[in-house]
Amino acid sequence: MAQVLIYSTTVCPYCVRAKALLKKKGVQYDEINLTEQPELREEMIQKAGGRRTVPQIFIDGNHVGGCDDIHALDAEGKLDPMLGLN
């Protein structure tokens, strides 16, 4: 299974929605909560190509975007192969 990393904040409906999709698929993920670790925000921005909003999601080290992006990948049938769920 793929390694998934999500940068999030405590009160973020988009983060909740993205994590719910992954949970529904049975995917484990690591989470960096920027509310608790604000010093890591710059790291996220650099890794995400300048994107400043949360969530920012990485699959096997590759940036896939935010909540809308991960749901779009799922709708296109591209998310499961990326997650190793074939």
PDB file of N, CA and C in Angstrom:
ATOM      1  N   MET A   1       0.841  -1.185   0.000  1.00  0.00           N
ATOM      2  CA  MET A   1       0.000   0.000   0.000  1.00  0.00           C
ATOM      3  C   MET A   1       0.879   1.239   0.000  1.00  0.00           C
ATOM      4  N   ALA A   2       0.381   2.293  -0.579  1.00  0.00           N
ATOM      5  CA  ALA A   2       1.124   3.539  -0.708  1.00  0.00           C
ATOM      6  C   ALA A   2       1.257   4.248   0.635  1.00  0.00           C
ATOM      7  N   GLN A   3       2.296   5.062   0.740  1.00  0.00           N
ATOM      8  CA  GLN A   3       2.479   5.904   1.919  1.00  0.00           C
ATOM      9  C   GLN A   3       1.799   7.243   1.641  1.00  0.00           C
ATOM     10  N   VAL A   4       0.886   7.640   2.534  1.00  0.00           N
ATOM     11  CA  VAL A   4       0.116   8.865   2.354  1.00  0.00           C
ATOM     12  C   VAL A   4       0.435   9.816   3.498  1.00  0.00           C
ATOM     13  N   LEU A   5       0.683  11.082   3.147  1.00  0.00           N
ATOM     14  CA  LEU A   5       0.940  12.135   4.120  1.00  0.00           C
ATOM     15  C   LEU A   5      -0.019  13.276   3.855  1.00  0.00           C
ATOM     16  N   ILE A   6      -0.656  13.749   4.922  1.00  0.00           N
ATOM     17  CA  ILE A   6      -1.592  14.863   4.809  1.00  0.00           C
ATOM     18  C   ILE A   6      -1.165  15.969   5.763  1.00  0.00           C
ATOM     19  N   TYR A   7      -1.001  17.167   5.229  1.00  0.00           N
ATOM     20  CA  TYR A   7      -0.839  18.352   6.060  1.00  0.00           C
ATOM     21  C   TYR A   7      -2.243  18.904   6.282  1.00  0.00           C
ATOM     22  N   SER A   8      -2.594  19.150   7.536  1.00  0.00           N
ATOM     23  CA  SER A   8      -3.942  19.596   7.859  1.00  0.00           C
ATOM     24  C   SER A   8      -3.899  20.641   8.971  1.00  0.00           C
ATOM     25  N   THR A   9      -5.082  21.115   9.347  1.00  0.00           N
ATOM     26  CA  THR A   9      -5.246  21.920  10.554  1.00  0.00           C
ATOM     27  C   THR A   9      -6.405  21.320  11.339  1.00  0.00           C
ATOM     28  N   THR A  10      -6.537  21.753  12.582  1.00  0.00           N
ATOM     29  CA  THR A  10      -7.542  21.170  13.468  1.00  0.00           C
ATOM     30  C   THR A  10      -8.962  21.414  12.975  1.00  0.00           C
ATOM     31  N   VAL A  11      -9.259  22.644  12.580  1.00  0.00           N
ATOM     32  CA  VAL A  11     -10.623  22.984  12.154  1.00  0.00           C
ATOM     33  C   VAL A  11     -10.602  23.264  10.654  1.00  0.00           C
ATOM     34  N   CYS A  12     -10.788  22.200   9.876  1.00  0.00           N
ATOM     35  CA  CYS A  12     -10.728  22.329   8.417  1.00  0.00           C
ATOM     36  C   CYS A  12     -11.669  21.308   7.803  1.00  0.00           C
ATOM     37  N   PRO A  13     -12.826  21.750   7.305  1.00  0.00           N
ATOM     38  CA  PRO A  13     -13.776  20.794   6.732  1.00  0.00           C
ATOM     39  C   PRO A  13     -13.230  20.061   5.508  1.00  0.00           C
ATOM     40  N   TYR A  14     -12.352  20.694   4.759  1.00  0.00           N
ATOM     41  CA  TYR A  14     -11.768  20.045   3.593  1.00  0.00           C
ATOM     42  C   TYR A  14     -10.819  18.921   4.021  1.00  0.00           C
ATOM     43  N   CYS A  15     -10.105  19.149   5.118  1.00  0.00           N
ATOM     44  CA  CYS A  15      -9.221  18.112   5.661  1.00  0.00           C
ATOM     45  C   CYS A  15     -10.048  16.912   6.111  1.00  0.00           C
ATOM     46  N   VAL A  16     -11.136  17.184   6.806  1.00  0.00           N
ATOM     47  CA  VAL A  16     -12.021  16.123   7.283  1.00  0.00           C
ATOM     48  C   VAL A  16     -12.552  15.322   6.109  1.00  0.00           C
ATOM     49  N   ARG A  17     -12.948  16.006   5.055  1.00  0.00           N
ATOM     50  CA  ARG A  17     -13.511  15.347   3.874  1.00  0.00           C
ATOM     51  C   ARG A  17     -12.472  14.467   3.162  1.00  0.00           C
ATOM     52  N   ALA A  18     -11.254  14.982   3.024  1.00  0.00           N
ATOM     53  CA  ALA A  18     -10.192  14.214   2.369  1.00  0.00           C
ATOM     54  C   ALA A  18      -9.831  12.985   3.192  1.00  0.00           C
ATOM     55  N   LYS A  19      -9.707  13.156   4.508  1.00  0.00           N
ATOM     56  CA  LYS A  19      -9.375  12.028   5.377  1.00  0.00           C
ATOM     57  C   LYS A  19     -10.501  10.996   5.388  1.00  0.00           C
ATOM     58  N   ALA A  20     -11.744  11.450   5.314  1.00  0.00           N
ATOM     59  CA  ALA A  20     -12.884  10.523   5.279  1.00  0.00           C
ATOM     60  C   ALA A  20     -12.831   9.649   4.024  1.00  0.00           C
ATOM     61  N   LEU A  21     -12.450  10.224   2.899  1.00  0.00           N
ATOM     62  CA  LEU A  21     -12.326   9.443   1.660  1.00  0.00           C
ATOM     63  C   LEU A  21     -11.270   8.347   1.825  1.00  0.00           C
ATOM     64  N   LEU A  22     -10.136   8.708   2.393  1.00  0.00           N
ATOM     65  CA  LEU A  22      -9.075   7.727   2.593  1.00  0.00           C
ATOM     66  C   LEU A  22      -9.495   6.654   3.587  1.00  0.00           C
ATOM     67  N   LYS A  23     -10.164   7.051   4.654  1.00  0.00           N
ATOM     68  CA  LYS A  23     -10.631   6.081   5.646  1.00  0.00           C
ATOM     69  C   LYS A  23     -11.629   5.116   5.024  1.00  0.00           C
ATOM     70  N   LYS A  24     -12.533   5.651   4.182  1.00  0.00           N
ATOM     71  CA  LYS A  24     -13.526   4.819   3.504  1.00  0.00           C
ATOM     72  C   LYS A  24     -12.850   3.750   2.648  1.00  0.00           C
ATOM     73  N   LYS A  25     -11.700   4.101   2.102  1.00  0.00           N
ATOM     74  CA  LYS A  25     -10.956   3.165   1.262  1.00  0.00           C
ATOM     75  C   LYS A  25     -10.040   2.261   2.088  1.00  0.00           C
ATOM     76  N   GLY A  26     -10.001   2.475   3.406  1.00  0.00           N
ATOM     77  CA  GLY A  26      -9.165   1.662   4.275  1.00  0.00           C
ATOM     78  C   GLY A  26      -7.691   2.003   4.213  1.00  0.00           C
ATOM     79  N   VAL A  27      -7.390   3.234   3.831  1.00  0.00           N
ATOM     80  CA  VAL A  27      -6.005   3.663   3.660  1.00  0.00           C
ATOM     81  C   VAL A  27      -5.499   4.326   4.938  1.00  0.00           C
ATOM     82  N   GLN A  28      -4.362   3.842   5.409  1.00  0.00           N
ATOM     83  CA  GLN A  28      -3.683   4.473   6.536  1.00  0.00           C
ATOM     84  C   GLN A  28      -2.935   5.704   6.017  1.00  0.00           C
ATOM     85  N   TYR A  29      -2.831   6.734   6.844  1.00  0.00           N
ATOM     86  CA  TYR A  29      -2.090   7.923   6.439  1.00  0.00           C
ATOM     87  C   TYR A  29      -1.409   8.537   7.653  1.00  0.00           C
ATOM     88  N   ASP A  30      -0.342   9.268   7.378  1.00  0.00           N
ATOM     89  CA  ASP A  30       0.325  10.070   8.393  1.00  0.00           C
ATOM     90  C   ASP A  30      -0.202  11.485   8.248  1.00  0.00           C
ATOM     91  N   GLU A  31      -0.332  12.163   9.372  1.00  0.00           N
ATOM     92  CA  GLU A  31      -0.897  13.503   9.356  1.00  0.00           C
ATOM     93  C   GLU A  31       0.014  14.453  10.112  1.00  0.00           C
ATOM     94  N   ILE A  32       0.266  15.602   9.505  1.00  0.00           N
ATOM     95  CA  ILE A  32       0.971  16.686  10.182  1.00  0.00           C
ATOM     96  C   ILE A  32      -0.044  17.792  10.389  1.00  0.00           C
ATOM     97  N   ASN A  33      -0.374  18.033  11.649  1.00  0.00           N
ATOM     98  CA  ASN A  33      -1.365  19.051  11.997  1.00  0.00           C
ATOM     99  C   ASN A  33      -0.634  20.372  12.197  1.00  0.00           C
ATOM    100  N   LEU A  34      -0.871  21.317  11.299  1.00  0.00           N
ATOM    101  CA  LEU A  34      -0.175  22.602  11.342  1.00  0.00           C
ATOM    102  C   LEU A  34      -0.670  23.504  12.461  1.00  0.00           C
ATOM    103  N   THR A  35      -1.819  23.193  13.052  1.00  0.00           N
ATOM    104  CA  THR A  35      -2.279  23.932  14.223  1.00  0.00           C
ATOM    105  C   THR A  35      -1.355  23.610  15.391  1.00  0.00           C
ATOM    106  N   GLU A  36      -0.968  22.343  15.486  1.00  0.00           N
ATOM    107  CA  GLU A  36      -0.099  21.889  16.567  1.00  0.00           C
ATOM    108  C   GLU A  36       1.378  22.088  16.256  1.00  0.00           C
ATOM    109  N   GLN A  37       1.720  22.118  14.974  1.00  0.00           N
ATOM    110  CA  GLN A  37       3.112  22.265  14.547  1.00  0.00           C
ATOM    111  C   GLN A  37       3.232  23.355  13.481  1.00  0.00           C
ATOM    112  N   PRO A  38       2.950  24.611  13.827  1.00  0.00           N
ATOM    113  CA  PRO A  38       2.964  25.681  12.823  1.00  0.00           C
ATOM    114  C   PRO A  38       4.326  25.900  12.174  1.00  0.00           C
ATOM    115  N   GLU A  39       5.383  25.465  12.833  1.00  0.00           N
ATOM    116  CA  GLU A  39       6.727  25.635  12.270  1.00  0.00           C
ATOM    117  C   GLU A  39       6.931  24.798  11.009  1.00  0.00           C
ATOM    118  N   LEU A  40       6.038  23.843  10.752  1.00  0.00           N
ATOM    119  CA  LEU A  40       6.153  22.995   9.559  1.00  0.00           C
ATOM    120  C   LEU A  40       5.377  23.520   8.350  1.00  0.00           C
ATOM    121  N   ARG A  41       4.708  24.664   8.509  1.00  0.00           N
ATOM    122  CA  ARG A  41       3.944  25.231   7.388  1.00  0.00           C
ATOM    123  C   ARG A  41       4.848  25.558   6.205  1.00  0.00           C
ATOM    124  N   GLU A  42       5.996  26.157   6.454  1.00  0.00           N
ATOM    125  CA  GLU A  42       6.915  26.498   5.351  1.00  0.00           C
ATOM    126  C   GLU A  42       7.369  25.245   4.615  1.00  0.00           C
ATOM    127  N   GLU A  43       7.609  24.172   5.353  1.00  0.00           N
ATOM    128  CA  GLU A  43       7.977  22.898   4.735  1.00  0.00           C
ATOM    129  C   GLU A  43       6.875  22.438   3.783  1.00  0.00           C
ATOM    130  N   MET A  44       5.621  22.532   4.241  1.00  0.00           N
ATOM    131  CA  MET A  44       4.488  22.132   3.405  1.00  0.00           C
ATOM    132  C   MET A  44       4.422  22.989   2.144  1.00  0.00           C
ATOM    133  N   ILE A  45       4.561  24.290   2.300  1.00  0.00           N
ATOM    134  CA  ILE A  45       4.475  25.210   1.161  1.00  0.00           C
ATOM    135  C   ILE A  45       5.553  24.880   0.126  1.00  0.00           C
ATOM    136  N   GLN A  46       6.757  24.602   0.602  1.00  0.00           N
ATOM    137  CA  GLN A  46       7.855  24.257  -0.318  1.00  0.00           C
ATOM    138  C   GLN A  46       7.554  22.953  -1.052  1.00  0.00           C
ATOM    139  N   LYS A  47       7.143  21.926  -0.310  1.00  0.00           N
ATOM    140  CA  LYS A  47       6.861  20.618  -0.908  1.00  0.00           C
ATOM    141  C   LYS A  47       5.678  20.681  -1.867  1.00  0.00           C
ATOM    142  N   ALA A  48       4.717  21.573  -1.576  1.00  0.00           N
ATOM    143  CA  ALA A  48       3.483  21.650  -2.364  1.00  0.00           C
ATOM    144  C   ALA A  48       3.579  22.676  -3.487  1.00  0.00           C
ATOM    145  N   GLY A  49       4.766  23.074  -3.846  1.00  0.00           N
ATOM    146  CA  GLY A  49       4.940  23.986  -4.971  1.00  0.00           C
ATOM    147  C   GLY A  49       4.326  25.363  -4.756  1.00  0.00           C
ATOM    148  N   GLY A  50       4.330  25.821  -3.502  1.00  0.00           N
ATOM    149  CA  GLY A  50       3.822  27.151  -3.203  1.00  0.00           C
ATOM    150  C   GLY A  50       2.390  27.190  -2.700  1.00  0.00           C
ATOM    151  N   ARG A  51       1.701  26.080  -2.747  1.00  0.00           N
ATOM    152  CA  ARG A  51       0.324  26.050  -2.223  1.00  0.00           C
ATOM    153  C   ARG A  51       0.346  26.242  -0.712  1.00  0.00           C
ATOM    154  N   ARG A  52      -0.559  27.106  -0.230  1.00  0.00           N
ATOM    155  CA  ARG A  52      -0.561  27.475   1.178  1.00  0.00           C
ATOM    156  C   ARG A  52      -1.763  26.934   1.948  1.00  0.00           C
ATOM    157  N   THR A  53      -2.748  26.419   1.240  1.00  0.00           N
ATOM    158  CA  THR A  53      -3.974  25.966   1.896  1.00  0.00           C
ATOM    159  C   THR A  53      -3.848  24.506   2.336  1.00  0.00           C
ATOM    160  N   VAL A  54      -4.707  24.124   3.256  1.00  0.00           N
ATOM    161  CA  VAL A  54      -4.762  22.726   3.693  1.00  0.00           C
ATOM    162  C   VAL A  54      -6.094  22.140   3.274  1.00  0.00           C
ATOM    163  N   PRO A  55      -6.154  20.855   3.052  1.00  0.00           N
ATOM    164  CA  PRO A  55      -5.056  19.913   3.177  1.00  0.00           C
ATOM    165  C   PRO A  55      -4.142  19.946   1.954  1.00  0.00           C
ATOM    166  N   GLN A  56      -2.927  19.503   2.160  1.00  0.00           N
ATOM    167  CA  GLN A  56      -2.017  19.188   1.065  1.00  0.00           C
ATOM    168  C   GLN A  56      -1.676  17.719   1.244  1.00  0.00           C
ATOM    169  N   ILE A  57      -1.871  16.950   0.181  1.00  0.00           N
ATOM    170  CA  ILE A  57      -1.791  15.493   0.261  1.00  0.00           C
ATOM    171  C   ILE A  57      -0.674  14.982  -0.643  1.00  0.00           C
ATOM    172  N   PHE A  58       0.098  14.047  -0.095  1.00  0.00           N
ATOM    173  CA  PHE A  58       1.207  13.427  -0.810  1.00  0.00           C
ATOM    174  C   PHE A  58       1.022  11.915  -0.778  1.00  0.00           C
ATOM    175  N   ILE A  59       1.189  11.284  -1.936  1.00  0.00           N
ATOM    176  CA  ILE A  59       1.118   9.827  -2.031  1.00  0.00           C
ATOM    177  C   ILE A  59       2.469   9.344  -2.535  1.00  0.00           C
ATOM    178  N   ASP A  60       3.116   8.511  -1.730  1.00  0.00           N
ATOM    179  CA  ASP A  60       4.472   8.039  -2.031  1.00  0.00           C
ATOM    180  C   ASP A  60       5.410   9.194  -2.365  1.00  0.00           C
ATOM    181  N   GLY A  61       5.269  10.285  -1.621  1.00  0.00           N
ATOM    182  CA  GLY A  61       6.149  11.444  -1.791  1.00  0.00           C
ATOM    183  C   GLY A  61       5.766  12.376  -2.916  1.00  0.00           C
ATOM    184  N   ASN A  62       4.769  12.009  -3.699  1.00  0.00           N
ATOM    185  CA  ASN A  62       4.328  12.859  -4.816  1.00  0.00           C
ATOM    186  C   ASN A  62       3.145  13.713  -4.388  1.00  0.00           C
ATOM    187  N   HIS A  63       3.233  14.991  -4.656  1.00  0.00           N
ATOM    188  CA  HIS A  63       2.147  15.910  -4.305  1.00  0.00           C
ATOM    189  C   HIS A  63       0.965  15.682  -5.246  1.00  0.00           C
ATOM    190  N   VAL A  64      -0.209  15.404  -4.653  1.00  0.00           N
ATOM    191  CA  VAL A  64      -1.405  15.203  -5.474  1.00  0.00           C
ATOM    192  C   VAL A  64      -2.406  16.340  -5.311  1.00  0.00           C
ATOM    193  N   GLY A  65      -2.150  17.262  -4.368  1.00  0.00           N
ATOM    194  CA  GLY A  65      -3.026  18.416  -4.224  1.00  0.00           C
ATOM    195  C   GLY A  65      -3.823  18.389  -2.942  1.00  0.00           C
ATOM    196  N   GLY A  66      -5.007  18.995  -3.018  1.00  0.00           N
ATOM    197  CA  GLY A  66      -5.862  19.124  -1.853  1.00  0.00           C
ATOM    198  C   GLY A  66      -7.087  18.238  -1.933  1.00  0.00           C
ATOM    199  N   CYS A  67      -8.090  18.635  -1.202  1.00  0.00           N
ATOM    200  CA  CYS A  67      -9.323  17.852  -1.096  1.00  0.00           C
ATOM    201  C   CYS A  67     -10.006  17.675  -2.450  1.00  0.00           C
ATOM    202  N   ASP A  68     -10.217  18.762  -3.160  1.00  0.00           N
ATOM    203  CA  ASP A  68     -10.886  18.664  -4.462  1.00  0.00           C
ATOM    204  C   ASP A  68     -10.080  17.800  -5.427  1.00  0.00           C
ATOM    205  N   ASP A  69      -8.761  17.921  -5.350  1.00  0.00           N
ATOM    206  CA  ASP A  69      -7.889  17.158  -6.241  1.00  0.00           C
ATOM    207  C   ASP A  69      -7.988  15.653  -5.982  1.00  0.00           C
ATOM    208  N   ILE A  70      -7.981  15.268  -4.709  1.00  0.00           N
ATOM    209  CA  ILE A  70      -8.042  13.842  -4.397  1.00  0.00           C
ATOM    210  C   ILE A  70      -9.410  13.254  -4.752  1.00  0.00           C
ATOM    211  N   HIS A  71     -10.461  14.047  -4.573  1.00  0.00           N
ATOM    212  CA  HIS A  71     -11.791  13.572  -4.965  1.00  0.00           C
ATOM    213  C   HIS A  71     -11.911  13.478  -6.489  1.00  0.00           C
ATOM    214  N   ALA A  72     -11.289  14.404  -7.207  1.00  0.00           N
ATOM    215  CA  ALA A  72     -11.298  14.346  -8.673  1.00  0.00           C
ATOM    216  C   ALA A  72     -10.546  13.102  -9.155  1.00  0.00           C
ATOM    217  N   LEU A  73      -9.403  12.809  -8.537  1.00  0.00           N
ATOM    218  CA  LEU A  73      -8.659  11.599  -8.898  1.00  0.00           C
ATOM    219  C   LEU A  73      -9.515  10.363  -8.668  1.00  0.00           C
ATOM    220  N   ASP A  74     -10.264  10.356  -7.565  1.00  0.00           N
ATOM    221  CA  ASP A  74     -11.125   9.221  -7.272  1.00  0.00           C
ATOM    222  C   ASP A  74     -12.228   9.093  -8.327  1.00  0.00           C
ATOM    223  N   ALA A  75     -12.848  10.206  -8.688  1.00  0.00           N
ATOM    224  CA  ALA A  75     -13.935  10.194  -9.677  1.00  0.00           C
ATOM    225  C   ALA A  75     -13.441   9.719 -11.044  1.00  0.00           C
ATOM    226  N   GLU A  76     -12.167  10.007 -11.352  1.00  0.00           N
ATOM    227  CA  GLU A  76     -11.580   9.603 -12.634  1.00  0.00           C
ATOM    228  C   GLU A  76     -11.038   8.174 -12.597  1.00  0.00           C
ATOM    229  N   GLY A  77     -11.120   7.534 -11.438  1.00  0.00           N
ATOM    230  CA  GLY A  77     -10.603   6.171 -11.317  1.00  0.00           C
ATOM    231  C   GLY A  77      -9.094   6.099 -11.198  1.00  0.00           C
ATOM    232  N   LYS A  78      -8.444   7.212 -10.901  1.00  0.00           N
ATOM    233  CA  LYS A  78      -6.981   7.251 -10.832  1.00  0.00           C
ATOM    234  C   LYS A  78      -6.440   7.115  -9.411  1.00  0.00           C
ATOM    235  N   LEU A  79      -7.291   7.333  -8.412  1.00  0.00           N
ATOM    236  CA  LEU A  79      -6.807   7.328  -7.033  1.00  0.00           C
ATOM    237  C   LEU A  79      -6.451   5.926  -6.546  1.00  0.00           C
ATOM    238  N   ASP A  80      -7.309   4.941  -6.790  1.00  0.00           N
ATOM    239  CA  ASP A  80      -7.064   3.587  -6.292  1.00  0.00           C
ATOM    240  C   ASP A  80      -5.719   3.035  -6.780  1.00  0.00           C
ATOM    241  N   PRO A  81      -5.389   3.168  -8.071  1.00  0.00           N
ATOM    242  CA  PRO A  81      -4.059   2.677  -8.497  1.00  0.00           C
ATOM    243  C   PRO A  81      -2.907   3.404  -7.797  1.00  0.00           C
ATOM    244  N   MET A  82      -3.068   4.698  -7.564  1.00  0.00           N
ATOM    245  CA  MET A  82      -2.022   5.445  -6.870  1.00  0.00           C
ATOM    246  C   MET A  82      -1.842   4.940  -5.431  1.00  0.00           C
ATOM    247  N   LEU A  83      -2.939   4.508  -4.842  1.00  0.00           N
ATOM    248  CA  LEU A  83      -2.922   4.025  -3.462  1.00  0.00           C
ATOM    249  C   LEU A  83      -2.569   2.535  -3.372  1.00  0.00           C
ATOM    250  N   GLY A  84      -2.439   1.888  -4.506  1.00  0.00           N
ATOM    251  CA  GLY A  84      -2.138   0.460  -4.522  1.00  0.00           C
ATOM    252  C   GLY A  84      -3.337  -0.387  -4.182  1.00  0.00           C
ATOM    253  N   LEU A  85      -4.536   0.064  -4.559  1.00  0.00           N
ATOM    254  CA  LEU A  85      -5.775  -0.634  -4.230  1.00  0.00           C
ATOM    255  C   LEU A  85      -6.397  -1.341  -5.425  1.00  0.00           C
ATOM    256  N   ASN A  86      -5.622  -1.727  -6.390  1.00  0.00           N
ATOM    257  CA  ASN A  86      -6.166  -2.367  -7.591  1.00  0.00           C
ATOM    258  C   ASN A  86      -6.846  -3.657  -7.307  1.00  0.00           C
TER     259      ASN A  86
END
